[in-house]
Amino acid sequence: MFKSKLFGAVIALAAVALLAPATTASAAKAKRISYDEAWAECKKDVSFLPGEQQGARYTRGAGCMKKYGYRLKKSSMSGM
């Protein structure tokens, strides 16, 4: 009897653990910011790199924009 209660508790905790990340991801989608706001945030991360590191700036900017759910436009990098 004790083993069946323990097994039931383990199953319940596993179900809760599986559902927790799904609610977190849906909350993040609800707070999506605009492309321009995301670019302003990402530009802060990219602006400190020296000008001769253009490839590194592009890669860092693309990764940051992907974090916010956008693809980086090549034309936006020219203003850095």
N, C-alpha and C. Protein backbone atom coordinates (compact mmCIF):
# COMPACT_ATOMS: atom_id res chain seq x y z
N MET A 1 0.83 -1.19 0.00
CA MET A 1 0.00 0.00 0.00
C MET A 1 0.87 1.25 0.00
N PHE A 2 1.95 1.23 0.82
CA PHE A 2 2.84 2.37 0.90
C PHE A 2 3.51 2.62 -0.45
N LYS A 3 3.90 1.54 -1.14
CA LYS A 3 4.58 1.68 -2.44
C LYS A 3 3.65 2.29 -3.48
N SER A 4 2.39 1.96 -3.45
CA SER A 4 1.46 2.52 -4.44
C SER A 4 1.24 4.01 -4.19
N LYS A 5 1.21 4.44 -2.93
CA LYS A 5 1.08 5.87 -2.63
C LYS A 5 2.33 6.63 -3.05
N LEU A 6 3.48 6.02 -2.81
CA LEU A 6 4.74 6.63 -3.20
C LEU A 6 4.82 6.76 -4.72
N PHE A 7 4.41 5.70 -5.41
CA PHE A 7 4.40 5.73 -6.87
C PHE A 7 3.45 6.80 -7.39
N GLY A 8 2.30 6.94 -6.77
CA GLY A 8 1.34 7.97 -7.17
C GLY A 8 1.88 9.37 -6.95
N ALA A 9 2.61 9.56 -5.86
CA ALA A 9 3.21 10.87 -5.58
C ALA A 9 4.29 11.20 -6.60
N VAL A 10 5.08 10.22 -6.96
CA VAL A 10 6.14 10.44 -7.96
C VAL A 10 5.52 10.79 -9.31
N ILE A 11 4.46 10.13 -9.69
CA ILE A 11 3.78 10.43 -10.96
C ILE A 11 3.20 11.84 -10.93
N ALA A 12 2.61 12.23 -9.82
CA ALA A 12 2.04 13.58 -9.70
C ALA A 12 3.11 14.65 -9.80
N LEU A 13 4.25 14.44 -9.15
CA LEU A 13 5.34 15.42 -9.23
C LEU A 13 5.92 15.50 -10.63
N ALA A 14 6.00 14.36 -11.31
CA ALA A 14 6.50 14.37 -12.69
C ALA A 14 5.57 15.15 -13.61
N ALA A 15 4.27 14.99 -13.41
CA ALA A 15 3.31 15.72 -14.23
C ALA A 15 3.41 17.22 -14.00
N VAL A 16 3.57 17.62 -12.75
CA VAL A 16 3.73 19.05 -12.44
C VAL A 16 5.00 19.59 -13.05
N ALA A 17 6.08 18.83 -12.99
CA ALA A 17 7.36 19.27 -13.55
C ALA A 17 7.27 19.43 -15.07
N LEU A 18 6.51 18.59 -15.73
CA LEU A 18 6.36 18.70 -17.18
C LEU A 18 5.51 19.90 -17.58
N LEU A 19 4.55 20.26 -16.78
CA LEU A 19 3.66 21.37 -17.12
C LEU A 19 4.23 22.73 -16.76
N ALA A 20 5.17 22.80 -15.84
CA ALA A 20 5.72 24.09 -15.39
C ALA A 20 6.41 24.86 -16.51
N PRO A 21 7.30 24.26 -17.32
CA PRO A 21 7.93 25.03 -18.40
C PRO A 21 6.95 25.52 -19.45
N ALA A 22 5.89 24.79 -19.69
CA ALA A 22 4.91 25.21 -20.71
C ALA A 22 4.22 26.50 -20.30
N THR A 23 3.92 26.65 -19.03
CA THR A 23 3.27 27.89 -18.59
C THR A 23 4.25 29.05 -18.62
N THR A 24 5.51 28.80 -18.35
CA THR A 24 6.52 29.85 -18.40
C THR A 24 6.71 30.34 -19.84
N ALA A 25 6.75 29.43 -20.79
CA ALA A 25 6.94 29.81 -22.19
C ALA A 25 5.74 30.59 -22.71
N SER A 26 4.55 30.21 -22.32
CA SER A 26 3.38 30.94 -22.81
C SER A 26 3.32 32.34 -22.20
N ALA A 27 3.80 32.50 -20.97
CA ALA A 27 3.85 33.83 -20.36
C ALA A 27 4.86 34.71 -21.08
N ALA A 28 5.97 34.13 -21.54
CA ALA A 28 6.97 34.91 -22.27
C ALA A 28 6.43 35.37 -23.62
N LYS A 29 5.64 34.53 -24.27
CA LYS A 29 5.06 34.92 -25.56
C LYS A 29 4.07 36.05 -25.41
N ALA A 30 3.37 36.10 -24.30
CA ALA A 30 2.36 37.13 -24.08
C ALA A 30 3.00 38.51 -23.95
N LYS A 31 4.26 38.58 -23.56
CA LYS A 31 4.95 39.85 -23.34
C LYS A 31 5.88 40.20 -24.50
N ARG A 32 5.53 39.82 -25.72
CA ARG A 32 6.39 40.06 -26.86
C ARG A 32 6.50 41.56 -27.13
N ILE A 33 7.73 42.01 -27.30
CA ILE A 33 7.96 43.42 -27.57
C ILE A 33 8.07 43.62 -29.08
N SER A 34 7.98 44.86 -29.52
CA SER A 34 8.04 45.15 -30.95
C SER A 34 9.46 44.98 -31.47
N TYR A 35 9.58 44.93 -32.79
CA TYR A 35 10.89 44.78 -33.42
C TYR A 35 11.82 45.93 -33.04
N ASP A 36 11.29 47.14 -33.06
CA ASP A 36 12.11 48.31 -32.75
C ASP A 36 12.58 48.30 -31.29
N GLU A 37 11.70 47.88 -30.37
CA GLU A 37 12.10 47.80 -28.97
C GLU A 37 13.15 46.72 -28.76
N ALA A 38 12.99 45.59 -29.45
CA ALA A 38 13.97 44.51 -29.35
C ALA A 38 15.31 44.97 -29.92
N TRP A 39 15.28 45.69 -31.03
CA TRP A 39 16.52 46.17 -31.63
C TRP A 39 17.22 47.16 -30.70
N ALA A 40 16.47 48.01 -30.03
CA ALA A 40 17.08 48.96 -29.09
C ALA A 40 17.76 48.23 -27.94
N GLU A 41 17.13 47.17 -27.44
CA GLU A 41 17.74 46.38 -26.36
C GLU A 41 19.00 45.67 -26.85
N CYS A 42 18.93 45.10 -28.05
CA CYS A 42 20.07 44.36 -28.58
C CYS A 42 21.22 45.27 -28.97
N LYS A 43 20.90 46.47 -29.38
CA LYS A 43 21.95 47.41 -29.79
C LYS A 43 22.84 47.77 -28.60
N LYS A 44 22.26 47.75 -27.39
CA LYS A 44 23.07 47.99 -26.19
C LYS A 44 24.14 46.92 -26.03
N ASP A 45 23.78 45.66 -26.33
CA ASP A 45 24.73 44.56 -26.20
C ASP A 45 25.79 44.58 -27.29
N VAL A 46 25.46 45.08 -28.45
CA VAL A 46 26.35 45.02 -29.59
C VAL A 46 27.23 46.26 -29.71
N SER A 47 26.80 47.37 -29.20
CA SER A 47 27.47 48.64 -29.46
C SER A 47 28.87 48.76 -28.86
N PHE A 48 29.20 47.97 -27.84
CA PHE A 48 30.50 48.13 -27.21
C PHE A 48 31.62 47.43 -27.98
N LEU A 49 31.29 46.59 -28.97
CA LEU A 49 32.32 45.92 -29.75
C LEU A 49 32.95 46.91 -30.73
N PRO A 50 34.27 46.83 -30.91
CA PRO A 50 34.94 47.75 -31.85
C PRO A 50 34.44 47.56 -33.27
N GLY A 51 34.58 48.58 -34.08
CA GLY A 51 34.08 48.58 -35.45
C GLY A 51 34.70 47.53 -36.35
N GLU A 52 35.94 47.12 -36.08
CA GLU A 52 36.58 46.15 -36.96
C GLU A 52 36.07 44.73 -36.73
N GLN A 53 35.25 44.51 -35.74
CA GLN A 53 34.70 43.18 -35.47
C GLN A 53 33.26 43.09 -36.01
N GLN A 54 33.10 43.38 -37.28
CA GLN A 54 31.77 43.42 -37.89
C GLN A 54 31.06 42.07 -37.83
N GLY A 55 31.78 40.99 -38.06
CA GLY A 55 31.18 39.66 -38.02
C GLY A 55 30.67 39.30 -36.63
N ALA A 56 31.45 39.65 -35.62
CA ALA A 56 31.04 39.37 -34.24
C ALA A 56 29.82 40.21 -33.86
N ARG A 57 29.78 41.45 -34.33
CA ARG A 57 28.64 42.31 -34.03
C ARG A 57 27.37 41.76 -34.67
N TYR A 58 27.49 41.30 -35.93
CA TYR A 58 26.34 40.76 -36.63
C TYR A 58 25.83 39.49 -35.94
N THR A 59 26.75 38.62 -35.55
CA THR A 59 26.37 37.37 -34.91
C THR A 59 25.70 37.63 -33.56
N ARG A 60 26.27 38.52 -32.78
CA ARG A 60 25.69 38.83 -31.47
C ARG A 60 24.32 39.50 -31.63
N GLY A 61 24.19 40.38 -32.59
CA GLY A 61 22.90 41.03 -32.83
C GLY A 61 21.85 40.05 -33.29
N ALA A 62 22.23 39.12 -34.16
CA ALA A 62 21.29 38.12 -34.65
C ALA A 62 20.82 37.21 -33.53
N GLY A 63 21.74 36.81 -32.66
CA GLY A 63 21.37 35.95 -31.53
C GLY A 63 20.45 36.66 -30.56
N CYS A 64 20.71 37.92 -30.32
CA CYS A 64 19.88 38.70 -29.41
C CYS A 64 18.48 38.87 -29.98
N MET A 65 18.37 39.17 -31.25
CA MET A 65 17.06 39.35 -31.86
C MET A 65 16.29 38.03 -31.88
N LYS A 66 16.99 36.93 -32.07
CA LYS A 66 16.33 35.63 -32.06
C LYS A 66 15.76 35.33 -30.67
N LYS A 67 16.44 35.81 -29.64
CA LYS A 67 15.95 35.64 -28.28
C LYS A 67 14.58 36.29 -28.10
N TYR A 68 14.36 37.40 -28.79
CA TYR A 68 13.08 38.10 -28.71
C TYR A 68 12.08 37.61 -29.76
N GLY A 69 12.49 36.65 -30.60
CA GLY A 69 11.56 36.07 -31.57
C GLY A 69 11.58 36.74 -32.92
N TYR A 70 12.62 37.47 -33.26
CA TYR A 70 12.71 38.15 -34.55
C TYR A 70 13.96 37.71 -35.30
N ARG A 71 13.91 37.85 -36.63
CA ARG A 71 15.09 37.62 -37.45
C ARG A 71 15.75 38.97 -37.71
N LEU A 72 17.05 38.97 -37.72
CA LEU A 72 17.80 40.20 -37.93
C LEU A 72 17.78 40.58 -39.41
N LYS A 73 17.46 41.83 -39.69
CA LYS A 73 17.48 42.35 -41.05
C LYS A 73 18.88 42.87 -41.32
N LYS A 74 19.43 42.56 -42.48
CA LYS A 74 20.78 43.03 -42.80
C LYS A 74 20.85 44.53 -42.87
N SER A 75 19.79 45.19 -43.27
CA SER A 75 19.81 46.64 -43.38
C SER A 75 19.90 47.31 -42.01
N SER A 76 19.49 46.65 -40.95
CA SER A 76 19.53 47.26 -39.63
C SER A 76 20.94 47.33 -39.07
N MET A 77 21.85 46.50 -39.57
CA MET A 77 23.22 46.50 -39.06
C MET A 77 24.01 47.69 -39.57
N SER A 78 23.57 48.34 -40.60
CA SER A 78 24.35 49.45 -41.17
C SER A 78 24.34 50.67 -40.22
N GLY A 79 23.39 50.78 -39.33
CA GLY A 79 23.31 51.93 -38.43
C GLY A 79 24.10 51.76 -37.15
N MET A 80 24.90 50.72 -37.06
CA MET A 80 25.64 50.48 -35.82
C MET A 80 26.90 51.25 -35.84
